[in-house]
Amino acid sequence: DSAVAIEKKYSIVKDSLTNNFRKVFSTRNFETSWNEIAE
């Protein structure tokens, strides 16, 4: 919750999506992602 510029927030979020999540899914392909999660 710091007062950093949006560019920096974006960079931090992008790194988090890459490093903290096993996978980033698109809701457009929700059923396919559900198959992966179920497996």
All heavy atoms as atom14 arrays in JSON, in Angstrom:
{
  "sequence": "DSAVAIEKKYSIVKDSLTNNFRKVFSTRNFETSWNEIAE",
  "atom14_mask": [
    [1, 1, 1, 1, 1, 1, 1, 1, 0, 0, 0, 0, 0, 0],
    [1, 1, 1, 1, 1, 1, 0, 0, 0, 0, 0, 0, 0, 0],
    [1, 1, 1, 1, 1, 0, 0, 0, 0, 0, 0, 0, 0, 0],
    [1, 1, 1, 1, 1, 1, 1, 0, 0, 0, 0, 0, 0, 0],
    [1, 1, 1, 1, 1, 0, 0, 0, 0, 0, 0, 0, 0, 0],
    [1, 1, 1, 1, 1, 1, 1, 1, 0, 0, 0, 0, 0, 0],
    [1, 1, 1, 1, 1, 1, 1, 1, 1, 0, 0, 0, 0, 0],
    [1, 1, 1, 1, 1, 1, 1, 1, 1, 0, 0, 0, 0, 0],
    [1, 1, 1, 1, 1, 1, 1, 1, 1, 0, 0, 0, 0, 0],
    [1, 1, 1, 1, 1, 1, 1, 1, 1, 1, 1, 1, 0, 0],
    [1, 1, 1, 1, 1, 1, 0, 0, 0, 0, 0, 0, 0, 0],
    [1, 1, 1, 1, 1, 1, 1, 1, 0, 0, 0, 0, 0, 0],
    [1, 1, 1, 1, 1, 1, 1, 0, 0, 0, 0, 0, 0, 0],
    [1, 1, 1, 1, 1, 1, 1, 1, 1, 0, 0, 0, 0, 0],
    [1, 1, 1, 1, 1, 1, 1, 1, 0, 0, 0, 0, 0, 0],
    [1, 1, 1, 1, 1, 1, 0, 0, 0, 0, 0, 0, 0, 0],
    [1, 1, 1, 1, 1, 1, 1, 1, 0, 0, 0, 0, 0, 0],
    [1, 1, 1, 1, 1, 1, 1, 0, 0, 0, 0, 0, 0, 0],
    [1, 1, 1, 1, 1, 1, 1, 1, 0, 0, 0, 0, 0, 0],
    [1, 1, 1, 1, 1, 1, 1, 1, 0, 0, 0, 0, 0, 0],
    [1, 1, 1, 1, 1, 1, 1, 1, 1, 1, 1, 0, 0, 0],
    [1, 1, 1, 1, 1, 1, 1, 1, 1, 1, 1, 0, 0, 0],
    [1, 1, 1, 1, 1, 1, 1, 1, 1, 0, 0, 0, 0, 0],
    [1, 1, 1, 1, 1, 1, 1, 0, 0, 0, 0, 0, 0, 0],
    [1, 1, 1, 1, 1, 1, 1, 1, 1, 1, 1, 0, 0, 0],
    [1, 1, 1, 1, 1, 1, 0, 0, 0, 0, 0, 0, 0, 0],
    [1, 1, 1, 1, 1, 1, 1, 0, 0, 0, 0, 0, 0, 0],
    [1, 1, 1, 1, 1, 1, 1, 1, 1, 1, 1, 0, 0, 0],
    [1, 1, 1, 1, 1, 1, 1, 1, 0, 0, 0, 0, 0, 0],
    [1, 1, 1, 1, 1, 1, 1, 1, 1, 1, 1, 0, 0, 0],
    [1, 1, 1, 1, 1, 1, 1, 1, 1, 0, 0, 0, 0, 0],
    [1, 1, 1, 1, 1, 1, 1, 0, 0, 0, 0, 0, 0, 0],
    [1, 1, 1, 1, 1, 1, 0, 0, 0, 0, 0, 0, 0, 0],
    [1, 1, 1, 1, 1, 1, 1, 1, 1, 1, 1, 1, 1, 1],
    [1, 1, 1, 1, 1, 1, 1, 1, 0, 0, 0, 0, 0, 0],
    [1, 1, 1, 1, 1, 1, 1, 1, 1, 0, 0, 0, 0, 0],
    [1, 1, 1, 1, 1, 1, 1, 1, 0, 0, 0, 0, 0, 0],
    [1, 1, 1, 1, 1, 0, 0, 0, 0, 0, 0, 0, 0, 0],
    [1, 1, 1, 1, 1, 1, 1, 1, 1, 0, 0, 0, 0, 0]
  ],
  "atom14_positions": [
    [[0.83, -1.2, 0.0], [0.0, 0.0, 0.0], [0.87, 1.26, 0.0], [0.66, 2.16, 0.78], [-0.93, -0.01, 1.21], [-2.1, 0.94, 1.04], [-2.39, 1.34, -0.1], [-2.7, 1.31, 2.06], [0.0, 0.0, 0.0], [0.0, 0.0, 0.0], [0.0, 0.0, 0.0], [0.0, 0.0, 0.0], [0.0, 0.0, 0.0], [0.0, 0.0, 0.0]],
    [[1.85, 1.26, -0.85], [2.72, 2.42, -0.89], [2.31, 3.35, -2.03], [1.6, 2.97, -2.96], [4.18, 1.99, -1.07], [4.31, 1.31, -2.3], [0.0, 0.0, 0.0], [0.0, 0.0, 0.0], [0.0, 0.0, 0.0], [0.0, 0.0, 0.0], [0.0, 0.0, 0.0], [0.0, 0.0, 0.0], [0.0, 0.0, 0.0], [0.0, 0.0, 0.0]],
    [[2.77, 4.55, -1.95], [2.44, 5.57, -2.96], [3.46, 5.54, -4.09], [4.11, 6.53, -4.38], [2.39, 6.94, -2.3], [0.0, 0.0, 0.0], [0.0, 0.0, 0.0], [0.0, 0.0, 0.0], [0.0, 0.0, 0.0], [0.0, 0.0, 0.0], [0.0, 0.0, 0.0], [0.0, 0.0, 0.0], [0.0, 0.0, 0.0], [0.0, 0.0, 0.0]],
    [[3.58, 4.39, -4.74], [4.5, 4.28, -5.87], [3.71, 4.47, -7.17], [2.5, 4.3, -7.21], [5.25, 2.93, -5.89], [6.08, 2.75, -4.63], [4.31, 1.77, -6.08], [0.0, 0.0, 0.0], [0.0, 0.0, 0.0], [0.0, 0.0, 0.0], [0.0, 0.0, 0.0], [0.0, 0.0, 0.0], [0.0, 0.0, 0.0], [0.0, 0.0, 0.0]],
    [[4.42, 4.82, -8.2], [3.8, 5.05, -9.5], [3.18, 3.76, -10.04], [3.63, 2.66, -9.74], [4.84, 5.58, -10.49], [0.0, 0.0, 0.0], [0.0, 0.0, 0.0], [0.0, 0.0, 0.0], [0.0, 0.0, 0.0], [0.0, 0.0, 0.0], [0.0, 0.0, 0.0], [0.0, 0.0, 0.0], [0.0, 0.0, 0.0], [0.0, 0.0, 0.0]],
    [[2.16, 3.91, -10.85], [1.45, 2.76, -11.42], [2.39, 1.88, -12.23], [2.23, 0.65, -12.23], [0.22, 3.21, -12.26], [-0.59, 2.0, -12.74], [0.66, 4.09, -13.42], [-1.27, 1.21, -11.69], [0.0, 0.0, 0.0], [0.0, 0.0, 0.0], [0.0, 0.0, 0.0], [0.0, 0.0, 0.0], [0.0, 0.0, 0.0], [0.0, 0.0, 0.0]],
    [[3.39, 2.45, -12.88], [4.33, 1.65, -13.65], [5.06, 0.67, -12.73], [5.29, -0.48, -13.1], [5.35, 2.54, -14.38], [4.76, 3.43, -15.43], [4.22, 4.76, -14.89], [4.34, 5.02, -13.66], [3.63, 5.5, -15.69], [0.0, 0.0, 0.0], [0.0, 0.0, 0.0], [0.0, 0.0, 0.0], [0.0, 0.0, 0.0], [0.0, 0.0, 0.0]],
    [[5.43, 1.12, -11.56], [6.12, 0.28, -10.59], [5.17, -0.79, -10.03], [5.55, -1.96, -9.89], [6.68, 1.14, -9.45], [7.44, 0.37, -8.4], [8.77, -0.09, -8.88], [9.55, -0.69, -7.72], [10.72, -1.41, -8.16], [0.0, 0.0, 0.0], [0.0, 0.0, 0.0], [0.0, 0.0, 0.0], [0.0, 0.0, 0.0], [0.0, 0.0, 0.0]],
    [[3.94, -0.4, -9.75], [2.95, -1.36, -9.27], [2.74, -2.45, -10.32], [2.68, -3.63, -9.99], [1.63, -0.67, -8.94], [1.71, 0.2, -7.71], [0.41, 0.94, -7.47], [0.57, 1.82, -6.25], [-0.57, 2.71, -6.04], [0.0, 0.0, 0.0], [0.0, 0.0, 0.0], [0.0, 0.0, 0.0], [0.0, 0.0, 0.0], [0.0, 0.0, 0.0]],
    [[2.61, -2.04, -11.56], [2.43, -3.0, -12.66], [3.61, -3.98, -12.7], [3.42, -5.19, -12.8], [2.3, -2.27, -14.0], [2.56, -3.16, -15.17], [1.58, -4.04, -15.62], [3.79, -3.17, -15.8], [1.82, -4.89, -16.68], [4.04, -4.01, -16.87], [3.06, -4.87, -17.3], [3.32, -5.72, -18.34], [0.0, 0.0, 0.0], [0.0, 0.0, 0.0]],
    [[4.82, -3.46, -12.61], [6.02, -4.31, -12.66], [6.04, -5.31, -11.5], [6.36, -6.49, -11.69], [7.27, -3.42, -12.62], [8.42, -4.19, -12.63], [0.0, 0.0, 0.0], [0.0, 0.0, 0.0], [0.0, 0.0, 0.0], [0.0, 0.0, 0.0], [0.0, 0.0, 0.0], [0.0, 0.0, 0.0], [0.0, 0.0, 0.0], [0.0, 0.0, 0.0]],
    [[5.68, -4.86, -10.33], [5.64, -5.74, -9.15], [4.56, -6.81, -9.33], [4.79, -7.99, -9.04], [5.43, -4.91, -7.87], [6.69, -4.07, -7.59], [5.09, -5.8, -6.68], [6.51, -3.01, -6.52], [0.0, 0.0, 0.0], [0.0, 0.0, 0.0], [0.0, 0.0, 0.0], [0.0, 0.0, 0.0], [0.0, 0.0, 0.0], [0.0, 0.0, 0.0]],
    [[3.39, -6.41, -9.82], [2.3, -7.37, -10.04], [2.69, -8.37, -11.12], [2.46, -9.58, -10.97], [0.98, -6.63, -10.4], [-0.05, -7.59, -10.95], [0.45, -5.9, -9.17], [0.0, 0.0, 0.0], [0.0, 0.0, 0.0], [0.0, 0.0, 0.0], [0.0, 0.0, 0.0], [0.0, 0.0, 0.0], [0.0, 0.0, 0.0], [0.0, 0.0, 0.0]],
    [[3.29, -7.89, -12.19], [3.72, -8.79, -13.27], [4.71, -9.82, -12.73], [4.58, -11.02, -13.01], [4.35, -7.99, -14.4], [4.83, -8.85, -15.54], [5.5, -8.0, -16.61], [6.18, -8.91, -17.61], [7.01, -8.17, -18.54], [0.0, 0.0, 0.0], [0.0, 0.0, 0.0], [0.0, 0.0, 0.0], [0.0, 0.0, 0.0], [0.0, 0.0, 0.0]],
    [[5.68, -9.38, -11.94], [6.63, -10.31, -11.34], [5.93, -11.31, -10.42], [6.28, -12.49, -10.4], [7.71, -9.55, -10.56], [8.69, -8.82, -11.46], [8.71, -9.07, -12.69], [9.41, -7.94, -10.94], [0.0, 0.0, 0.0], [0.0, 0.0, 0.0], [0.0, 0.0, 0.0], [0.0, 0.0, 0.0], [0.0, 0.0, 0.0], [0.0, 0.0, 0.0]],
    [[4.95, -10.84, -9.67], [4.21, -11.72, -8.78], [3.43, -12.77, -9.57], [3.41, -13.94, -9.2], [3.24, -10.91, -7.92], [2.43, -11.76, -7.16], [0.0, 0.0, 0.0], [0.0, 0.0, 0.0], [0.0, 0.0, 0.0], [0.0, 0.0, 0.0], [0.0, 0.0, 0.0], [0.0, 0.0, 0.0], [0.0, 0.0, 0.0], [0.0, 0.0, 0.0]],
    [[2.8, -12.36, -10.66], [2.07, -13.31, -11.48], [3.01, -14.38, -12.04], [2.64, -15.54, -12.15], [1.32, -12.6, -12.61], [0.13, -11.76, -12.19], [-0.41, -10.97, -13.37], [-0.96, -12.6, -11.56], [0.0, 0.0, 0.0], [0.0, 0.0, 0.0], [0.0, 0.0, 0.0], [0.0, 0.0, 0.0], [0.0, 0.0, 0.0], [0.0, 0.0, 0.0]],
    [[4.2, -13.97, -12.36], [5.2, -14.91, -12.9], [5.76, -15.81, -11.82], [5.93, -17.01, -12.03], [6.36, -14.12, -13.57], [5.81, -13.31, -14.62], [7.41, -15.05, -14.13], [0.0, 0.0, 0.0], [0.0, 0.0, 0.0], [0.0, 0.0, 0.0], [0.0, 0.0, 0.0], [0.0, 0.0, 0.0], [0.0, 0.0, 0.0], [0.0, 0.0, 0.0]],
    [[6.03, -15.26, -10.64], [6.77, -16.0, -9.61], [5.93, -16.6, -8.49], [6.34, -17.58, -7.88], [7.83, -15.08, -8.98], [8.83, -14.61, -10.01], [9.28, -15.37, -10.86], [9.18, -13.33, -9.95], [0.0, 0.0, 0.0], [0.0, 0.0, 0.0], [0.0, 0.0, 0.0], [0.0, 0.0, 0.0], [0.0, 0.0, 0.0], [0.0, 0.0, 0.0]],
    [[4.78, -16.03, -8.18], [3.98, -16.48, -7.03], [2.86, -17.44, -7.4], [2.29, -18.08, -6.52], [3.36, -15.3, -6.28], [4.39, -14.41, -5.64], [5.57, -14.55, -5.86], [3.94, -13.47, -4.85], [0.0, 0.0, 0.0], [0.0, 0.0, 0.0], [0.0, 0.0, 0.0], [0.0, 0.0, 0.0], [0.0, 0.0, 0.0], [0.0, 0.0, 0.0]],
    [[2.53, -17.5, -8.67], [1.4, -18.31, -9.1], [1.88, -19.49, -9.93], [2.74, -19.33, -10.79], [0.4, -17.47, -9.92], [-0.3, -16.44, -9.1], [0.24, -15.18, -8.93], [-1.49, -16.73, -8.47], [-0.39, -14.22, -8.16], [-2.14, -15.78, -7.69], [-1.59, -14.52, -7.54], [0.0, 0.0, 0.0], [0.0, 0.0, 0.0], [0.0, 0.0, 0.0]],
    [[1.3, -20.63, -9.63], [1.62, -21.8, -10.44], [1.17, -21.58, -11.88], [1.85, -21.99, -12.82], [0.97, -23.06, -9.87], [1.26, -24.28, -10.71], [0.98, -25.52, -9.97], [1.26, -26.69, -10.8], [1.17, -27.91, -10.36], [0.84, -28.13, -9.1], [1.41, -28.92, -11.16], [0.0, 0.0, 0.0], [0.0, 0.0, 0.0], [0.0, 0.0, 0.0]],
    [[0.01, -20.93, -12.02], [-0.49, -20.65, -13.36], [-1.43, -19.47, -13.3], [-2.17, -19.29, -12.35], [-1.23, -21.88, -13.91], [-1.71, -21.7, -15.31], [-1.28, -22.82, -16.19], [-1.68, -22.51, -17.62], [-1.87, -23.67, -18.41], [0.0, 0.0, 0.0], [0.0, 0.0, 0.0], [0.0, 0.0, 0.0], [0.0, 0.0, 0.0], [0.0, 0.0, 0.0]],
    [[-1.39, -18.67, -14.36], [-2.33, -17.58, -14.56], [-3.26, -18.03, -15.68], [-2.81, -18.35, -16.78], [-1.61, -16.27, -14.94], [-2.62, -15.16, -15.23], [-0.63, -15.86, -13.85], [0.0, 0.0, 0.0], [0.0, 0.0, 0.0], [0.0, 0.0, 0.0], [0.0, 0.0, 0.0], [0.0, 0.0, 0.0], [0.0, 0.0, 0.0], [0.0, 0.0, 0.0]],
    [[-4.55, -18.07, -15.39], [-5.54, -18.52, -16.36], [-6.33, -17.34, -16.9], [-6.4, -16.3, -16.26], [-6.53, -19.49, -15.71], [-5.93, -20.78, -15.23], [-5.78, -21.02, -13.88], [-5.56, -21.76, -16.13], [-5.26, -22.22, -13.42], [-5.03, -22.97, -15.68], [-4.89, -23.2, -14.33], [0.0, 0.0, 0.0], [0.0, 0.0, 0.0], [0.0, 0.0, 0.0]],
    [[-6.96, -17.55, -18.03], [-7.89, -16.58, -18.59], [-9.31, -17.09, -18.37], [-9.59, -18.27, -18.6], [-7.65, -16.41, -20.09], [-8.71, -15.69, -20.68], [0.0, 0.0, 0.0], [0.0, 0.0, 0.0], [0.0, 0.0, 0.0], [0.0, 0.0, 0.0], [0.0, 0.0, 0.0], [0.0, 0.0, 0.0], [0.0, 0.0, 0.0], [0.0, 0.0, 0.0]],
    [[-10.2, -16.21, -17.95], [-11.59, -16.62, -17.78], [-12.21, -17.03, -19.11], [-13.18, -17.78, -19.13], [-12.45, -15.52, -17.13], [-12.36, -14.35, -17.94], [-12.01, -15.24, -15.72], [0.0, 0.0, 0.0], [0.0, 0.0, 0.0], [0.0, 0.0, 0.0], [0.0, 0.0, 0.0], [0.0, 0.0, 0.0], [0.0, 0.0, 0.0], [0.0, 0.0, 0.0]],
    [[-11.62, -16.56, -20.19], [-12.12, -16.95, -21.51], [-12.02, -18.47, -21.7], [-12.79, -19.07, -22.43], [-11.35, -16.22, -22.6], [-11.93, -16.42, -23.99], [-11.28, -15.54, -25.01], [-11.64, -14.17, -24.72], [-10.89, -13.12, -25.02], [-9.75, -13.28, -25.62], [-11.28, -11.91, -24.71], [0.0, 0.0, 0.0], [0.0, 0.0, 0.0], [0.0, 0.0, 0.0]],
    [[-11.06, -19.09, -21.04], [-10.85, -20.54, -21.13], [-11.07, -21.21, -19.78], [-10.31, -22.09, -19.38], [-9.42, -20.83, -21.63], [-9.15, -20.19, -22.96], [-9.96, -20.28, -23.88], [-8.02, -19.51, -23.07], [0.0, 0.0, 0.0], [0.0, 0.0, 0.0], [0.0, 0.0, 0.0], [0.0, 0.0, 0.0], [0.0, 0.0, 0.0], [0.0, 0.0, 0.0]],
    [[-12.12, -20.78, -19.09], [-12.34, -21.26, -17.73], [-12.47, -22.77, -17.67], [-11.9, -23.42, -16.79], [-13.57, -20.6, -17.09], [-13.71, -20.96, -15.64], [-13.04, -20.24, -14.67], [-14.48, -22.04, -15.25], [-13.13, -20.59, -13.33], [-14.6, -22.39, -13.91], [-13.92, -21.66, -12.95], [0.0, 0.0, 0.0], [0.0, 0.0, 0.0], [0.0, 0.0, 0.0]],
    [[-13.22, -23.37, -18.58], [-13.44, -24.81, -18.52], [-12.14, -25.59, -18.72], [-11.92, -26.61, -18.06], [-14.5, -25.25, -19.52], [-15.89, -24.71, -19.2], [-16.37, -25.06, -17.79], [-16.05, -26.15, -17.28], [-17.08, -24.23, -17.19], [0.0, 0.0, 0.0], [0.0, 0.0, 0.0], [0.0, 0.0, 0.0], [0.0, 0.0, 0.0], [0.0, 0.0, 0.0]],
    [[-11.27, -25.11, -19.59], [-9.97, -25.76, -19.78], [-9.13, -25.63, -18.51], [-8.49, -26.59, -18.07], [-9.22, -25.14, -20.98], [-10.03, -25.27, -22.14], [-7.87, -25.79, -21.2], [0.0, 0.0, 0.0], [0.0, 0.0, 0.0], [0.0, 0.0, 0.0], [0.0, 0.0, 0.0], [0.0, 0.0, 0.0], [0.0, 0.0, 0.0], [0.0, 0.0, 0.0]],
    [[-9.16, -24.46, -17.9], [-8.4, -24.28, -16.67], [-8.97, -25.13, -15.54], [-8.23, -25.66, -14.72], [-8.33, -22.8, -16.27], [-9.61, -22.26, -16.05], [0.0, 0.0, 0.0], [0.0, 0.0, 0.0], [0.0, 0.0, 0.0], [0.0, 0.0, 0.0], [0.0, 0.0, 0.0], [0.0, 0.0, 0.0], [0.0, 0.0, 0.0], [0.0, 0.0, 0.0]],
    [[-10.3, -25.29, -15.51], [-10.91, -26.17, -14.52], [-10.38, -27.59, -14.67], [-10.08, -28.26, -13.68], [-12.44, -26.15, -14.62], [-13.07, -27.28, -13.86], [-13.71, -28.35, -14.37], [-13.08, -27.46, -12.44], [-14.14, -29.2, -13.37], [-13.76, -28.67, -12.17], [-12.58, -26.73, -11.37], [-13.96, -29.15, -10.88], [-12.78, -27.22, -10.08], [-13.46, -28.4, -9.85]],
    [[-10.24, -28.06, -15.9], [-9.69, -29.39, -16.13], [-8.3, -29.52, -15.52], [-7.97, -30.53, -14.9], [-9.63, -29.71, -17.63], [-11.0, -29.89, -18.25], [-11.99, -30.09, -17.56], [-11.05, -29.8, -19.56], [0.0, 0.0, 0.0], [0.0, 0.0, 0.0], [0.0, 0.0, 0.0], [0.0, 0.0, 0.0], [0.0, 0.0, 0.0], [0.0, 0.0, 0.0]],
    [[-7.46, -28.5, -15.72], [-6.1, -28.53, -15.16], [-6.12, -28.54, -13.64], [-5.39, -29.32, -13.01], [-5.3, -27.32, -15.65], [-4.87, -27.41, -17.1], [-3.96, -26.27, -17.49], [-2.96, -26.04, -16.76], [-4.25, -25.61, -18.5], [0.0, 0.0, 0.0], [0.0, 0.0, 0.0], [0.0, 0.0, 0.0], [0.0, 0.0, 0.0], [0.0, 0.0, 0.0]],
    [[-6.96, -27.71, -13.06], [-7.06, -27.65, -11.59], [-7.54, -29.0, -11.05], [-7.0, -29.51, -10.07], [-8.01, -26.51, -11.15], [-7.48, -25.15, -11.57], [-8.28, -26.57, -9.65], [-6.23, -24.7, -10.87], [0.0, 0.0, 0.0], [0.0, 0.0, 0.0], [0.0, 0.0, 0.0], [0.0, 0.0, 0.0], [0.0, 0.0, 0.0], [0.0, 0.0, 0.0]],
    [[-8.56, -29.56, -11.68], [-9.1, -30.85, -11.23], [-8.02, -31.94, -11.29], [-7.91, -32.76, -10.38], [-10.32, -31.24, -12.06], [0.0, 0.0, 0.0], [0.0, 0.0, 0.0], [0.0, 0.0, 0.0], [0.0, 0.0, 0.0], [0.0, 0.0, 0.0], [0.0, 0.0, 0.0], [0.0, 0.0, 0.0], [0.0, 0.0, 0.0], [0.0, 0.0, 0.0]],
    [[-7.22, -31.93, -12.35], [-6.13, -32.91, -12.45], [-5.09, -32.7, -11.36], [-4.65, -33.66, -10.73], [-5.48, -32.83, -13.83], [-6.28, -33.51, -14.92], [-5.56, -33.49, -16.26], [-4.31, -33.53, -16.29], [-6.27, -33.43, -17.28], [0.0, 0.0, 0.0], [0.0, 0.0, 0.0], [0.0, 0.0, 0.0], [0.0, 0.0, 0.0], [0.0, 0.0, 0.0]]
  ]
}
